[in-house]
Amino acid sequence: MTESGSHPRHRLDELIHAPVRFSIMATLASAEQAEFAFVRDLVEVSDSVLSKQVSLLEAAGYVAVRKGYVGKRPRTWLSLTARGRSAFADHVAVLHEIASAASAPADAAAPEPVTEPS
C-alpha cells in the first residue's frame, strides 16, 4: 500500500475542480479579460450561478472583477489574477499527470488476468 497522500489527486485544487468553476477558469485562462455575459453564455449557466461561483473564486484571489460602463450600459469584466493563472496551470498539470499515468503501459509486475476454465 502506498503512503497516504502520495497520489497526485491530493494536489488538485478543490475550489477549481468543481465543473462550473473549472470551466470559468479555463475560459478566463485563454484571455486577458472577458465580459460577464460572454462567460455566462460560454459556460452555459445563469447569471446567479456565475455570480456565486465568481464570488468564490474572487474570495480565493483567483479572479478579479471590474465593473464599468459601455456607453450608459453597466458591464462587468472578469479576469484571472496572477495567483489564479498559477493555480489553474498547476491544477491542469496535475490532471495531465493523472491522465498520463492511467494511459501508461501496464507494469510488468502486474498480475495476469484470471480466466475462467473452458
C-alpha atoms as a PDB file:
ATOM      1  CA  MET A   1       0.000   0.000   0.000  1.00  0.00           C
ATOM      2  CA  THR A   2       1.285   3.469  -0.819  1.00  0.00           C
ATOM      3  CA  GLU A   3       1.828   6.242   1.665  1.00  0.00           C
ATOM      4  CA  SER A   4      -1.301   8.287   2.355  1.00  0.00           C
ATOM      5  CA  GLY A   5      -1.420  11.446   0.246  1.00  0.00           C
ATOM      6  CA  SER A   6       1.042  10.352  -2.422  1.00  0.00           C
ATOM      7  CA  HIS A   7      -1.464  10.128  -5.292  1.00  0.00           C
ATOM      8  CA  PRO A   8      -1.436  13.259  -7.500  1.00  0.00           C
ATOM      9  CA  ARG A   9      -5.166  13.820  -6.863  1.00  0.00           C
ATOM     10  CA  HIS A  10      -4.226  15.162  -3.430  1.00  0.00           C
ATOM     11  CA  ARG A  11      -2.622  18.144  -5.219  1.00  0.00           C
ATOM     12  CA  LEU A  12      -5.810  19.069  -7.103  1.00  0.00           C
ATOM     13  CA  ASP A  13      -7.290  22.410  -6.095  1.00  0.00           C
ATOM     14  CA  GLU A  14     -10.759  21.563  -4.743  1.00  0.00           C
ATOM     15  CA  LEU A  15     -12.018  25.077  -5.437  1.00  0.00           C
ATOM     16  CA  ILE A  16     -11.060  24.875  -9.116  1.00  0.00           C
ATOM     17  CA  HIS A  17     -12.029  21.223  -9.522  1.00  0.00           C
ATOM     18  CA  ALA A  18     -15.809  21.819  -9.465  1.00  0.00           C
ATOM     19  CA  PRO A  19     -17.001  21.629 -13.102  1.00  0.00           C
ATOM     20  CA  VAL A  20     -18.509  25.119 -13.351  1.00  0.00           C
ATOM     21  CA  ARG A  21     -15.543  26.795 -11.632  1.00  0.00           C
ATOM     22  CA  PHE A  22     -13.114  24.778 -13.765  1.00  0.00           C
ATOM     23  CA  SER A  23     -14.972  25.951 -16.884  1.00  0.00           C
ATOM     24  CA  ILE A  24     -14.859  29.581 -15.718  1.00  0.00           C
ATOM     25  CA  MET A  25     -11.136  29.351 -15.003  1.00  0.00           C
ATOM     26  CA  ALA A  26     -10.457  27.689 -18.367  1.00  0.00           C
ATOM     27  CA  THR A  27     -12.407  30.400 -20.180  1.00  0.00           C
ATOM     28  CA  LEU A  28     -10.563  33.184 -18.393  1.00  0.00           C
ATOM     29  CA  ALA A  29      -7.172  31.492 -18.850  1.00  0.00           C
ATOM     30  CA  SER A  30      -7.489  31.927 -22.599  1.00  0.00           C
ATOM     31  CA  ALA A  31      -7.936  35.722 -22.458  1.00  0.00           C
ATOM     32  CA  GLU A  32      -6.790  38.778 -20.555  1.00  0.00           C
ATOM     33  CA  GLN A  33     -10.388  39.500 -19.573  1.00  0.00           C
ATOM     34  CA  ALA A  34     -13.886  38.516 -20.587  1.00  0.00           C
ATOM     35  CA  GLU A  35     -17.257  40.140 -20.205  1.00  0.00           C
ATOM     36  CA  PHE A  36     -19.552  38.506 -17.644  1.00  0.00           C
ATOM     37  CA  ALA A  37     -22.260  37.763 -20.241  1.00  0.00           C
ATOM     38  CA  PHE A  38     -19.730  36.102 -22.565  1.00  0.00           C
ATOM     39  CA  VAL A  39     -18.525  33.774 -19.788  1.00  0.00           C
ATOM     40  CA  ARG A  40     -22.120  33.067 -18.705  1.00  0.00           C
ATOM     41  CA  ASP A  41     -23.132  32.071 -22.229  1.00  0.00           C
ATOM     42  CA  LEU A  42     -19.995  30.045 -22.944  1.00  0.00           C
ATOM     43  CA  VAL A  43     -20.189  28.111 -19.657  1.00  0.00           C
ATOM     44  CA  GLU A  44     -23.972  27.776 -20.051  1.00  0.00           C
ATOM     45  CA  VAL A  45     -25.060  28.895 -16.593  1.00  0.00           C
ATOM     46  CA  SER A  46     -27.465  31.510 -15.263  1.00  0.00           C
ATOM     47  CA  ASP A  47     -26.384  34.953 -14.062  1.00  0.00           C
ATOM     48  CA  SER A  48     -26.913  33.916 -10.444  1.00  0.00           C
ATOM     49  CA  VAL A  49     -24.857  30.710 -10.762  1.00  0.00           C
ATOM     50  CA  LEU A  50     -21.995  32.531 -12.460  1.00  0.00           C
ATOM     51  CA  SER A  51     -22.123  35.330  -9.913  1.00  0.00           C
ATOM     52  CA  LYS A  52     -21.938  32.897  -6.981  1.00  0.00           C
ATOM     53  CA  GLN A  53     -19.071  30.905  -8.480  1.00  0.00           C
ATOM     54  CA  VAL A  54     -17.136  34.041  -9.439  1.00  0.00           C
ATOM     55  CA  SER A  55     -17.579  35.343  -5.878  1.00  0.00           C
ATOM     56  CA  LEU A  56     -15.962  32.167  -4.517  1.00  0.00           C
ATOM     57  CA  LEU A  57     -13.075  32.438  -6.992  1.00  0.00           C
ATOM     58  CA  GLU A  58     -12.675  36.137  -6.225  1.00  0.00           C
ATOM     59  CA  ALA A  59     -12.574  35.470  -2.468  1.00  0.00           C
ATOM     60  CA  ALA A  60      -9.755  32.965  -3.083  1.00  0.00           C
ATOM     61  CA  GLY A  61      -7.827  35.601  -5.015  1.00  0.00           C
ATOM     62  CA  TYR A  62      -8.133  33.739  -8.336  1.00  0.00           C
ATOM     63  CA  VAL A  63     -10.444  36.106 -10.230  1.00  0.00           C
ATOM     64  CA  ALA A  64     -10.604  39.897 -10.444  1.00  0.00           C
ATOM     65  CA  VAL A  65     -13.941  41.593 -11.119  1.00  0.00           C
ATOM     66  CA  ARG A  66     -14.064  45.015 -12.750  1.00  0.00           C
ATOM     67  CA  LYS A  67     -17.277  46.973 -13.224  1.00  0.00           C
ATOM     68  CA  GLY A  68     -17.780  49.824 -15.640  1.00  0.00           C
ATOM     69  CA  TYR A  69     -19.925  51.130 -18.438  1.00  0.00           C
ATOM     70  CA  VAL A  70     -20.069  50.804 -22.189  1.00  0.00           C
ATOM     71  CA  GLY A  71     -21.986  53.926 -23.096  1.00  0.00           C
ATOM     72  CA  LYS A  72     -24.724  54.048 -20.499  1.00  0.00           C
ATOM     73  CA  ARG A  73     -24.918  50.282 -20.038  1.00  0.00           C
ATOM     74  CA  PRO A  74     -23.271  48.714 -16.995  1.00  0.00           C
ATOM     75  CA  ARG A  75     -20.809  45.926 -17.722  1.00  0.00           C
ATOM     76  CA  THR A  76     -18.760  43.512 -15.628  1.00  0.00           C
ATOM     77  CA  TRP A  77     -15.425  42.124 -16.772  1.00  0.00           C
ATOM     78  CA  LEU A  78     -13.703  39.100 -15.289  1.00  0.00           C
ATOM     79  CA  SER A  79     -10.033  38.193 -15.402  1.00  0.00           C
ATOM     80  CA  LEU A  80      -7.672  35.762 -13.751  1.00  0.00           C
ATOM     81  CA  THR A  81      -5.207  37.185 -11.274  1.00  0.00           C
ATOM     82  CA  ALA A  82      -1.571  36.063 -11.379  1.00  0.00           C
ATOM     83  CA  ARG A  83      -2.411  33.754  -8.470  1.00  0.00           C
ATOM     84  CA  GLY A  84      -5.415  32.389 -10.392  1.00  0.00           C
ATOM     85  CA  ARG A  85      -3.354  31.720 -13.529  1.00  0.00           C
ATOM     86  CA  SER A  86      -0.745  29.900 -11.489  1.00  0.00           C
ATOM     87  CA  ALA A  87      -3.339  27.849  -9.570  1.00  0.00           C
ATOM     88  CA  PHE A  88      -5.113  26.904 -12.803  1.00  0.00           C
ATOM     89  CA  ALA A  89      -1.848  25.905 -14.513  1.00  0.00           C
ATOM     90  CA  ASP A  90      -0.896  23.755 -11.502  1.00  0.00           C
ATOM     91  CA  HIS A  91      -4.342  22.124 -11.438  1.00  0.00           C
ATOM     92  CA  VAL A  92      -4.206  21.280 -15.159  1.00  0.00           C
ATOM     93  CA  ALA A  93      -0.676  19.892 -14.763  1.00  0.00           C
ATOM     94  CA  VAL A  94      -1.907  17.512 -12.044  1.00  0.00           C
ATOM     95  CA  LEU A  95      -4.824  16.417 -14.268  1.00  0.00           C
ATOM     96  CA  HIS A  96      -2.321  15.679 -17.047  1.00  0.00           C
ATOM     97  CA  GLU A  97      -0.157  13.727 -14.599  1.00  0.00           C
ATOM     98  CA  ILE A  98      -3.120  11.593 -13.531  1.00  0.00           C
ATOM     99  CA  ALA A  99      -4.262  11.017 -17.119  1.00  0.00           C
ATOM    100  CA  SER A 100      -0.726  10.150 -18.270  1.00  0.00           C
ATOM    101  CA  ALA A 101      -0.319   7.591 -15.502  1.00  0.00           C
ATOM    102  CA  ALA A 102      -3.625   5.995 -16.462  1.00  0.00           C
ATOM    103  CA  SER A 103      -2.585   5.636 -20.089  1.00  0.00           C
ATOM    104  CA  ALA A 104       0.943   4.385 -19.356  1.00  0.00           C
ATOM    105  CA  PRO A 105       1.757   0.764 -20.251  1.00  0.00           C
ATOM    106  CA  ALA A 106       0.883  -1.728 -17.544  1.00  0.00           C
ATOM    107  CA  ASP A 107       3.682  -2.610 -15.153  1.00  0.00           C
ATOM    108  CA  ALA A 108       5.398  -5.919 -15.938  1.00  0.00           C
ATOM    109  CA  ALA A 109       4.843  -6.953 -12.316  1.00  0.00           C
ATOM    110  CA  ALA A 110       1.072  -6.645 -12.631  1.00  0.00           C
ATOM    111  CA  PRO A 111      -0.765  -9.933 -12.088  1.00  0.00           C
ATOM    112  CA  GLU A 112      -2.094 -11.834 -15.075  1.00  0.00           C
ATOM    113  CA  PRO A 113      -5.845 -11.594 -15.592  1.00  0.00           C
ATOM    114  CA  VAL A 114      -7.849 -14.502 -14.242  1.00  0.00           C
ATOM    115  CA  THR A 115      -9.637 -16.526 -16.891  1.00  0.00           C
ATOM    116  CA  GLU A 116     -12.461 -18.970 -16.442  1.00  0.00           C
ATOM    117  CA  PRO A 117     -11.655 -22.620 -17.240  1.00  0.00           C
ATOM    118  CA  SER A 118     -13.201 -23.788 -20.502  1.00  0.00           C
END
